[in-house]
N, C-alpha and C. Protein backbone atom coordinates (compact mmCIF):
# COMPACT_ATOMS: atom_id res chain seq x y z
N MET A 1 0.74 -1.04 0.09
CA MET A 1 -0.26 -0.07 0.02
C MET A 1 0.71 1.39 -0.05
N THR A 2 0.36 2.28 -0.78
CA THR A 2 1.20 3.43 -0.60
C THR A 2 0.71 4.45 0.40
N GLN A 3 1.48 5.36 0.74
CA GLN A 3 1.21 6.17 1.79
C GLN A 3 0.06 6.79 1.22
N THR A 4 -0.33 7.67 0.08
CA THR A 4 -1.66 7.98 -0.11
C THR A 4 -2.77 6.99 0.19
N GLN A 5 -2.71 5.58 0.03
CA GLN A 5 -3.77 4.94 0.08
C GLN A 5 -3.98 4.86 1.35
N ASP A 6 -2.85 4.83 2.33
CA ASP A 6 -2.95 4.53 3.90
C ASP A 6 -3.85 5.89 4.55
N LYS A 7 -3.34 7.02 3.97
CA LYS A 7 -4.29 8.40 4.42
C LYS A 7 -5.42 8.07 4.06
N THR A 8 -5.67 7.82 3.01
CA THR A 8 -7.34 7.66 2.42
C THR A 8 -8.24 6.65 3.12
N GLU A 9 -7.73 5.38 3.27
CA GLU A 9 -8.23 4.63 4.00
C GLU A 9 -8.51 4.88 5.57
N LEU A 10 -7.61 5.65 5.99
CA LEU A 10 -7.79 6.22 7.22
C LEU A 10 -8.63 7.21 7.33
N TYR A 11 -8.94 7.96 6.44
CA TYR A 11 -9.59 9.13 6.08
C TYR A 11 -11.14 8.49 6.11
N LEU A 12 -11.60 7.43 5.60
CA LEU A 12 -12.69 7.03 5.42
C LEU A 12 -13.38 6.53 6.80
N TYR A 13 -12.65 5.97 7.72
CA TYR A 13 -12.93 5.98 8.72
C TYR A 13 -13.69 7.33 9.37
N SER A 14 -13.52 8.26 9.07
CA SER A 14 -14.03 9.36 9.69
C SER A 14 -15.67 9.49 9.42
N ILE A 15 -16.11 8.54 8.77
CA ILE A 15 -17.32 8.65 8.14
C ILE A 15 -18.36 8.76 9.50
N ASP A 16 -18.21 8.03 10.48
CA ASP A 16 -19.01 8.05 11.63
C ASP A 16 -18.84 8.77 12.46
N HIS A 17 -17.53 9.59 12.54
CA HIS A 17 -17.29 10.79 13.42
C HIS A 17 -18.18 11.77 12.62
N LEU A 18 -18.13 12.28 11.35
CA LEU A 18 -19.00 13.01 10.78
C LEU A 18 -20.55 12.67 10.86
N ALA A 19 -20.74 11.61 11.04
CA ALA A 19 -22.26 11.42 11.29
C ALA A 19 -22.68 11.91 12.53
N GLN A 20 -21.91 11.56 13.66
CA GLN A 20 -21.98 12.13 15.18
C GLN A 20 -22.01 13.53 14.90
N ASP A 21 -21.12 13.96 14.48
CA ASP A 21 -21.22 15.51 14.45
C ASP A 21 -22.26 16.36 13.98
N LEU A 22 -22.84 15.55 12.83
CA LEU A 22 -24.11 16.08 12.23
C LEU A 22 -25.47 15.88 12.98
N VAL A 23 -25.48 14.70 13.83
CA VAL A 23 -26.57 14.43 14.58
C VAL A 23 -26.63 15.17 15.75
N ILE A 24 -25.22 15.50 16.33
CA ILE A 24 -25.28 16.51 17.48
C ILE A 24 -25.77 17.77 17.21
N GLN A 25 -25.04 18.50 15.94
CA GLN A 25 -25.52 19.58 15.64
C GLN A 25 -26.91 19.72 15.43
N ASN A 26 -27.53 18.94 15.07
CA ASN A 26 -29.23 19.10 14.71
C ASN A 26 -29.94 18.13 15.74
N ARG A 27 -29.58 17.76 16.77
CA ARG A 27 -30.46 17.23 17.82
C ARG A 27 -31.36 18.16 18.61
N ASN A 28 -31.18 19.78 18.61
CA ASN A 28 -31.98 20.49 19.26
C ASN A 28 -33.07 21.16 18.22
N LYS A 29 -32.98 20.70 17.06
CA LYS A 29 -33.82 21.40 16.13
C LYS A 29 -35.14 20.04 16.01
N LYS A 30 -36.17 20.60 16.02
CA LYS A 30 -37.43 19.93 16.37
C LYS A 30 -37.63 19.11 14.74
N ASN A 31 -37.82 17.75 15.25
CA ASN A 31 -38.01 16.77 14.26
C ASN A 31 -36.91 16.49 13.03
N VAL A 32 -36.07 17.18 13.32
CA VAL A 32 -34.83 17.13 12.10
C VAL A 32 -34.14 15.86 11.96
N LEU A 33 -33.62 15.16 13.13
CA LEU A 33 -33.45 13.78 13.12
C LEU A 33 -34.18 12.57 12.57
N ASN A 34 -35.55 12.77 12.55
CA ASN A 34 -36.02 11.98 12.02
C ASN A 34 -35.63 11.77 10.54
N GLU A 35 -35.16 12.90 9.68
CA GLU A 35 -34.58 12.67 8.33
C GLU A 35 -33.54 11.67 8.64
N SER A 36 -33.02 11.35 9.33
CA SER A 36 -31.74 10.27 9.31
C SER A 36 -32.51 9.04 8.65
N HIS A 37 -33.60 8.77 9.15
CA HIS A 37 -34.10 7.18 8.74
C HIS A 37 -34.60 7.23 7.04
N LYS A 38 -35.08 8.56 6.67
CA LYS A 38 -35.67 8.87 5.47
C LYS A 38 -34.40 9.05 4.62
N MET A 39 -33.22 9.81 5.16
CA MET A 39 -32.17 9.70 4.21
C MET A 39 -31.64 8.24 3.87
N ARG A 40 -31.73 7.36 4.97
CA ARG A 40 -31.10 6.03 4.73
C ARG A 40 -31.55 5.21 3.40
N MET A 41 -33.40 5.51 3.47
CA MET A 41 -34.25 4.93 2.71
C MET A 41 -33.89 5.71 1.10
N ALA A 42 -33.70 6.74 1.38
CA ALA A 42 -33.57 7.57 -0.06
C ALA A 42 -32.41 7.16 -0.95
N VAL A 43 -31.38 6.53 -0.29
CA VAL A 43 -30.00 6.13 -0.85
C VAL A 43 -30.25 5.20 -1.99
N ALA A 44 -31.34 4.44 -1.82
CA ALA A 44 -31.82 3.66 -2.93
C ALA A 44 -32.60 4.22 -4.45
N TYR A 45 -32.43 5.49 -4.19
CA TYR A 45 -33.17 6.18 -5.33
C TYR A 45 -32.11 6.74 -6.20
N GLY A 46 -30.86 6.89 -5.87
CA GLY A 46 -29.74 7.46 -6.10
C GLY A 46 -29.04 8.93 -5.81
N LEU A 47 -28.12 9.29 -6.66
CA LEU A 47 -27.38 10.28 -5.79
C LEU A 47 -28.00 11.67 -6.09
N GLU A 48 -28.48 11.85 -7.42
CA GLU A 48 -29.33 12.91 -7.97
C GLU A 48 -30.49 13.23 -7.16
N ARG A 49 -31.67 12.37 -6.89
CA ARG A 49 -32.74 11.89 -5.93
C ARG A 49 -32.58 12.59 -4.58
N PHE A 50 -31.38 12.05 -3.98
CA PHE A 50 -31.02 12.43 -2.74
C PHE A 50 -30.34 13.63 -2.67
N TRP A 51 -29.74 14.19 -3.41
CA TRP A 51 -29.02 15.50 -3.36
C TRP A 51 -30.65 16.58 -3.60
N GLY A 52 -31.34 16.44 -4.42
CA GLY A 52 -32.49 16.90 -4.92
C GLY A 52 -33.57 17.49 -3.36
N GLU A 53 -33.46 16.41 -2.69
CA GLU A 53 -34.46 16.53 -1.49
C GLU A 53 -34.12 17.72 -0.62
N HIS A 54 -33.13 18.20 -0.73
CA HIS A 54 -32.87 19.22 0.23
C HIS A 54 -33.60 20.70 -0.49
N LEU A 55 -33.45 20.71 -1.68
CA LEU A 55 -34.20 21.88 -2.29
C LEU A 55 -35.62 21.82 -2.06
N ARG A 56 -36.44 20.56 -1.99
CA ARG A 56 -37.70 20.67 -1.71
C ARG A 56 -38.06 21.17 -0.20
N LEU A 57 -37.43 20.52 0.81
CA LEU A 57 -37.47 20.87 2.00
C LEU A 57 -37.01 22.58 2.42
N GLU A 58 -36.30 22.72 1.74
CA GLU A 58 -35.58 24.22 2.34
C GLU A 58 -36.56 25.39 1.50
N GLY A 59 -37.16 25.00 0.40
CA GLY A 59 -37.95 25.60 -0.19
C GLY A 59 -39.55 26.00 0.57
N ASP A 60 -39.74 25.23 1.81
CA ASP A 60 -40.89 25.36 2.06
C ASP A 60 -40.77 26.50 3.12
N LYS A 61 -42.15 27.27 3.57
CA LYS A 61 -41.99 28.15 4.30
C LYS A 61 -42.06 27.79 5.81
N ASN A 62 -42.20 26.69 5.88
CA ASN A 62 -42.23 26.07 7.56
C ASN A 62 -40.76 26.02 7.97
N GLU A 63 -40.44 26.78 8.97
CA GLU A 63 -38.95 26.70 9.43
C GLU A 63 -38.80 25.37 9.85
N GLU A 64 -39.48 24.73 10.27
CA GLU A 64 -39.05 23.04 10.65
C GLU A 64 -38.50 22.59 9.50
N ASN A 65 -39.27 22.51 8.31
CA ASN A 65 -39.00 21.81 7.13
C ASN A 65 -37.70 22.25 6.42
N GLN A 66 -37.71 23.54 6.60
CA GLN A 66 -35.95 24.61 6.45
C GLN A 66 -35.14 23.70 7.00
N ASN A 67 -35.06 23.61 8.29
CA ASN A 67 -33.86 22.97 9.00
C ASN A 67 -33.93 21.33 8.51
N LYS A 68 -34.89 20.84 8.01
CA LYS A 68 -34.42 19.44 7.66
C LYS A 68 -33.97 19.52 6.53
N GLY A 69 -34.11 20.55 5.63
CA GLY A 69 -33.47 20.66 4.09
C GLY A 69 -32.05 20.97 4.43
N LYS A 70 -31.45 21.82 5.55
CA LYS A 70 -30.22 22.07 5.56
C LYS A 70 -29.69 20.85 6.43
N TYR A 71 -30.33 20.07 6.97
CA TYR A 71 -29.57 18.58 7.29
C TYR A 71 -29.31 17.79 6.24
N TRP A 72 -30.35 17.87 5.18
CA TRP A 72 -29.90 17.04 4.00
C TRP A 72 -28.86 17.37 3.31
N LYS A 73 -28.73 18.93 3.15
CA LYS A 73 -27.49 19.64 2.59
C LYS A 73 -26.38 19.05 3.17
N ALA A 74 -26.62 19.40 4.69
CA ALA A 74 -25.25 19.28 5.52
C ALA A 74 -24.60 17.77 4.97
N VAL A 75 -25.39 16.98 5.00
CA VAL A 75 -24.98 15.29 4.58
C VAL A 75 -24.47 15.55 3.21
N TRP A 76 -24.96 16.16 2.50
CA TRP A 76 -24.45 15.89 1.05
C TRP A 76 -23.03 16.71 1.33
N ASP A 77 -22.96 17.66 1.75
CA ASP A 77 -21.48 18.08 2.05
C ASP A 77 -20.71 17.49 2.78
N ALA A 78 -20.93 16.57 3.82
CA ALA A 78 -20.07 15.69 4.30
C ALA A 78 -19.54 14.67 3.58
N LEU A 79 -20.60 14.04 2.39
CA LEU A 79 -20.11 13.04 1.46
C LEU A 79 -19.04 13.59 0.49
N GLU A 80 -19.41 14.98 0.23
CA GLU A 80 -18.34 15.45 -0.80
C GLU A 80 -17.03 15.61 -0.19
N GLN A 81 -17.05 16.39 1.38
CA GLN A 81 -15.80 16.02 2.02
C GLN A 81 -15.14 14.40 2.33
N ILE A 82 -15.87 13.59 2.63
CA ILE A 82 -15.49 12.35 2.54
C ILE A 82 -14.83 11.73 1.31
N LEU A 83 -15.31 12.13 0.14
CA LEU A 83 -15.00 11.69 -1.30
C LEU A 83 -13.78 12.44 -1.79
N GLN A 84 -13.58 13.27 -1.31
CA GLN A 84 -12.44 14.30 -1.93
C GLN A 84 -11.17 13.89 -1.95
N PRO A 85 -10.80 13.08 -0.78
CA PRO A 85 -8.89 12.51 -0.80
C PRO A 85 -9.15 11.17 -1.76
N THR A 86 -10.39 10.58 -2.22
CA THR A 86 -10.26 9.53 -2.80
C THR A 86 -10.04 10.09 -4.53
N GLY A 87 -10.30 11.31 -4.82
CA GLY A 87 -10.20 11.86 -5.93
C GLY A 87 -11.63 11.64 -6.69
N ILE A 88 -12.89 11.25 -6.03
CA ILE A 88 -13.98 11.60 -6.51
C ILE A 88 -14.58 12.84 -6.53
N ASN A 89 -14.60 13.47 -7.42
CA ASN A 89 -15.49 15.25 -7.12
C ASN A 89 -16.54 15.06 -7.24
N LEU A 90 -17.64 14.99 -6.00
CA LEU A 90 -18.68 15.04 -6.09
C LEU A 90 -19.34 16.33 -6.61
N PRO A 91 -20.43 16.57 -7.34
CA PRO A 91 -20.90 17.91 -7.71
C PRO A 91 -21.55 18.35 -6.25
N ASN A 92 -20.99 19.97 -6.19
CA ASN A 92 -21.93 20.29 -4.84
C ASN A 92 -22.07 21.74 -5.34
N GLN A 93 -22.57 22.30 -6.37
CA GLN A 93 -22.79 23.52 -6.54
C GLN A 93 -23.88 24.41 -5.58
N ASN A 94 -23.77 25.83 -5.22
CA ASN A 94 -24.57 26.50 -4.32
C ASN A 94 -25.63 26.68 -5.47
N ILE A 95 -26.96 26.31 -5.25
CA ILE A 95 -27.82 26.37 -6.42
C ILE A 95 -28.61 27.82 -6.19
N LYS A 96 -28.78 28.14 -4.98
CA LYS A 96 -29.50 29.43 -4.57
C LYS A 96 -28.92 30.16 -3.99
N SER A 97 -29.29 31.57 -4.46
CA SER A 97 -28.39 32.76 -3.82
C SER A 97 -29.83 33.74 -3.64
N LYS A 98 -29.37 34.97 -2.88
CA LYS A 98 -30.61 36.10 -3.09
C LYS A 98 -30.44 36.61 -4.41
N LYS A 99 -29.49 36.59 -5.04
CA LYS A 99 -29.59 37.30 -6.58
C LYS A 99 -30.11 36.42 -7.70
N THR A 100 -30.25 34.83 -7.35
CA THR A 100 -30.84 33.96 -8.52
C THR A 100 -32.29 34.15 -8.48
N ASN A 101 -32.64 34.43 -9.89
CA ASN A 101 -33.93 34.08 -10.48
C ASN A 101 -34.59 32.83 -10.44
N LYS A 102 -35.71 32.62 -10.62
CA LYS A 102 -36.18 31.21 -10.82
C LYS A 102 -35.86 30.39 -12.19
N GLU A 103 -35.66 31.13 -13.01
CA GLU A 103 -35.43 30.55 -14.32
C GLU A 103 -33.68 29.98 -14.15
N GLU A 104 -32.86 30.77 -13.65
CA GLU A 104 -31.44 30.54 -13.40
C GLU A 104 -31.48 29.35 -12.65
N GLU A 105 -32.11 29.52 -11.37
CA GLU A 105 -32.24 28.56 -10.28
C GLU A 105 -32.68 27.23 -11.13
N SER A 106 -33.36 27.22 -11.96
CA SER A 106 -33.96 25.81 -12.49
C SER A 106 -32.92 25.25 -13.40
N GLN A 107 -32.14 26.33 -14.09
CA GLN A 107 -30.66 25.96 -15.06
C GLN A 107 -29.85 25.44 -13.92
N ASN A 108 -29.63 26.13 -12.95
CA ASN A 108 -28.74 25.61 -12.19
C ASN A 108 -29.22 24.07 -11.47
N ILE A 109 -30.15 23.77 -11.41
CA ILE A 109 -30.49 22.46 -10.82
C ILE A 109 -30.47 21.53 -12.02
N ARG A 110 -30.77 21.97 -13.16
CA ARG A 110 -30.32 20.90 -14.49
C ARG A 110 -29.15 20.50 -14.63
N GLU A 111 -28.19 21.70 -14.37
CA GLU A 111 -26.63 21.50 -14.50
C GLU A 111 -26.26 20.52 -13.47
N MET A 112 -26.75 20.96 -12.27
CA MET A 112 -25.96 20.28 -11.12
C MET A 112 -26.60 18.52 -11.13
N ALA A 113 -27.95 18.49 -11.75
CA ALA A 113 -28.11 17.03 -12.07
C ALA A 113 -27.41 16.52 -13.39
N LYS A 114 -26.82 17.22 -14.09
CA LYS A 114 -26.52 16.54 -15.26
C LYS A 114 -24.85 16.32 -14.87
N ALA A 115 -24.60 17.15 -13.85
CA ALA A 115 -23.15 16.78 -13.16
C ALA A 115 -22.69 15.43 -12.50
N ILE A 116 -24.13 15.35 -11.61
CA ILE A 116 -24.20 14.08 -10.88
C ILE A 116 -24.26 12.78 -11.72
N TRP A 117 -25.15 12.79 -12.81
CA TRP A 117 -25.55 11.72 -13.59
C TRP A 117 -24.14 11.47 -14.57
N GLY A 118 -23.52 12.66 -14.78
CA GLY A 118 -22.09 12.39 -15.77
C GLY A 118 -20.80 11.72 -14.87
N LEU A 119 -21.13 11.49 -13.38
CA LEU A 119 -19.86 11.00 -13.06
C LEU A 119 -19.69 9.58 -13.58
N PRO A 120 -18.46 9.54 -13.51
CA PRO A 120 -18.24 7.76 -14.11
C PRO A 120 -19.17 6.95 -13.09
N LEU A 121 -19.31 5.85 -13.81
CA LEU A 121 -20.35 4.65 -13.20
C LEU A 121 -19.59 4.49 -12.09
N GLU A 122 -18.16 4.02 -12.13
CA GLU A 122 -17.60 3.51 -10.66
C GLU A 122 -17.85 4.63 -9.67
N HIS A 123 -17.39 5.82 -9.79
CA HIS A 123 -17.52 6.88 -9.20
C HIS A 123 -18.67 6.86 -8.28
N GLN A 124 -19.82 6.98 -9.35
CA GLN A 124 -21.31 6.75 -8.92
C GLN A 124 -21.41 5.60 -7.78
N ARG A 125 -21.24 4.65 -8.08
CA ARG A 125 -21.08 3.53 -7.08
C ARG A 125 -20.50 3.52 -5.61
N ILE A 126 -19.25 4.05 -5.96
CA ILE A 126 -18.30 4.17 -4.76
C ILE A 126 -19.32 5.34 -3.92
N ALA A 127 -19.58 6.23 -4.61
CA ALA A 127 -20.32 7.74 -3.87
C ALA A 127 -21.68 6.91 -3.02
N LEU A 128 -22.39 6.29 -3.85
CA LEU A 128 -23.60 5.28 -3.09
C LEU A 128 -23.44 4.77 -2.00
N MET A 129 -21.92 3.62 -2.06
CA MET A 129 -22.00 3.02 -1.03
C MET A 129 -21.31 3.89 0.16
N VAL A 130 -20.77 4.91 -0.06
CA VAL A 130 -20.10 5.48 1.17
C VAL A 130 -21.46 6.11 1.86
N LEU A 131 -22.21 6.88 0.83
CA LEU A 131 -23.44 7.52 1.30
C LEU A 131 -24.42 6.67 2.00
N THR A 132 -24.52 5.53 1.60
CA THR A 132 -25.04 4.34 2.57
C THR A 132 -24.64 4.14 3.90
N GLN A 133 -23.15 4.18 4.06
CA GLN A 133 -22.46 3.99 5.28
C GLN A 133 -22.69 5.36 6.10
N LEU A 134 -22.72 6.32 5.82
CA LEU A 134 -23.02 7.52 6.37
C LEU A 134 -24.35 7.71 6.79
N CYS A 135 -25.30 7.22 5.85
CA CYS A 135 -26.81 7.11 6.54
C CYS A 135 -26.95 6.07 7.71
N ASP A 136 -26.27 5.28 7.49
CA ASP A 136 -26.31 4.17 8.47
C ASP A 136 -25.74 4.55 9.92
N SER A 137 -24.50 5.47 9.92
CA SER A 137 -24.16 5.83 11.14
C SER A 137 -24.94 7.08 11.37
N LEU A 138 -25.52 7.77 10.61
CA LEU A 138 -26.76 8.99 10.94
C LEU A 138 -28.03 8.21 11.78
N VAL A 139 -28.27 7.12 11.22
CA VAL A 139 -29.31 6.45 11.92
C VAL A 139 -29.02 5.74 13.29
N TRP A 140 -27.70 5.31 13.57
CA TRP A 140 -26.96 4.80 14.58
C TRP A 140 -27.02 6.08 15.81
N TRP A 141 -26.63 7.40 15.39
CA TRP A 141 -26.34 8.06 16.23
C TRP A 141 -27.46 8.82 16.70
N THR A 142 -28.52 8.83 15.75
CA THR A 142 -29.78 9.42 16.06
C THR A 142 -30.42 8.61 17.11
N GLN A 143 -30.42 7.26 16.73
CA GLN A 143 -31.07 6.29 18.03
C GLN A 143 -30.25 6.85 19.35
N ARG A 144 -29.37 7.04 19.26
CA ARG A 144 -28.51 7.31 20.45
C ARG A 144 -28.86 8.59 21.45
N TYR A 145 -28.84 9.63 20.39
CA TYR A 145 -29.02 11.11 20.97
C TYR A 145 -30.41 11.73 20.71
N LYS A 146 -31.04 11.27 20.13
CA LYS A 146 -32.52 11.87 19.86
C LYS A 146 -33.25 12.13 21.14
N LYS A 147 -33.91 13.34 21.23
CA LYS A 147 -34.15 13.72 22.60
C LYS A 147 -35.69 12.71 22.87
N LYS A 148 -35.86 12.42 24.04
CA LYS A 148 -37.22 11.83 24.36
C LYS A 148 -38.62 12.43 23.63
N GLY A 149 -39.29 11.95 23.66
CA GLY A 149 -40.68 12.78 22.95
C GLY A 149 -40.63 13.39 21.63
N GLU A 150 -39.73 13.10 20.86
CA GLU A 150 -39.71 13.36 19.55
C GLU A 150 -39.69 11.91 18.41
N ASP A 151 -40.65 11.89 18.00
CA ASP A 151 -40.99 10.40 17.37
C ASP A 151 -40.69 10.51 15.79
């Protein structure tokens, strides 16, 4: 094994730490941790659909749903962070800004989806495997840290 491979393999063990941090950061936001279970199920639908879920939730007028959307986006950001040392460049453009109009936003979404679908098949598969592990860890930590009374 090369020195680079050793670092990459060790870095991949940080998945559990990142998941723990995400759960702790969101445990005081009402019903946000329930999304961990939904995320784990959503992995089966693919990267583009997983990525797009944050847009649906963040676009809601309800603050609780906006917080859920931010959680989904934070998980996508963590996935990008995990994959970077492996040479897999997960698309992660900022779609929304205060200056973005609806047509520009739609075009940005199209480009992002195209970039995700354009990843080499091997990279897509690896990203899905890592995302599965990340979501499994999120579920684990959610079950440990979730406040009582939040079902």
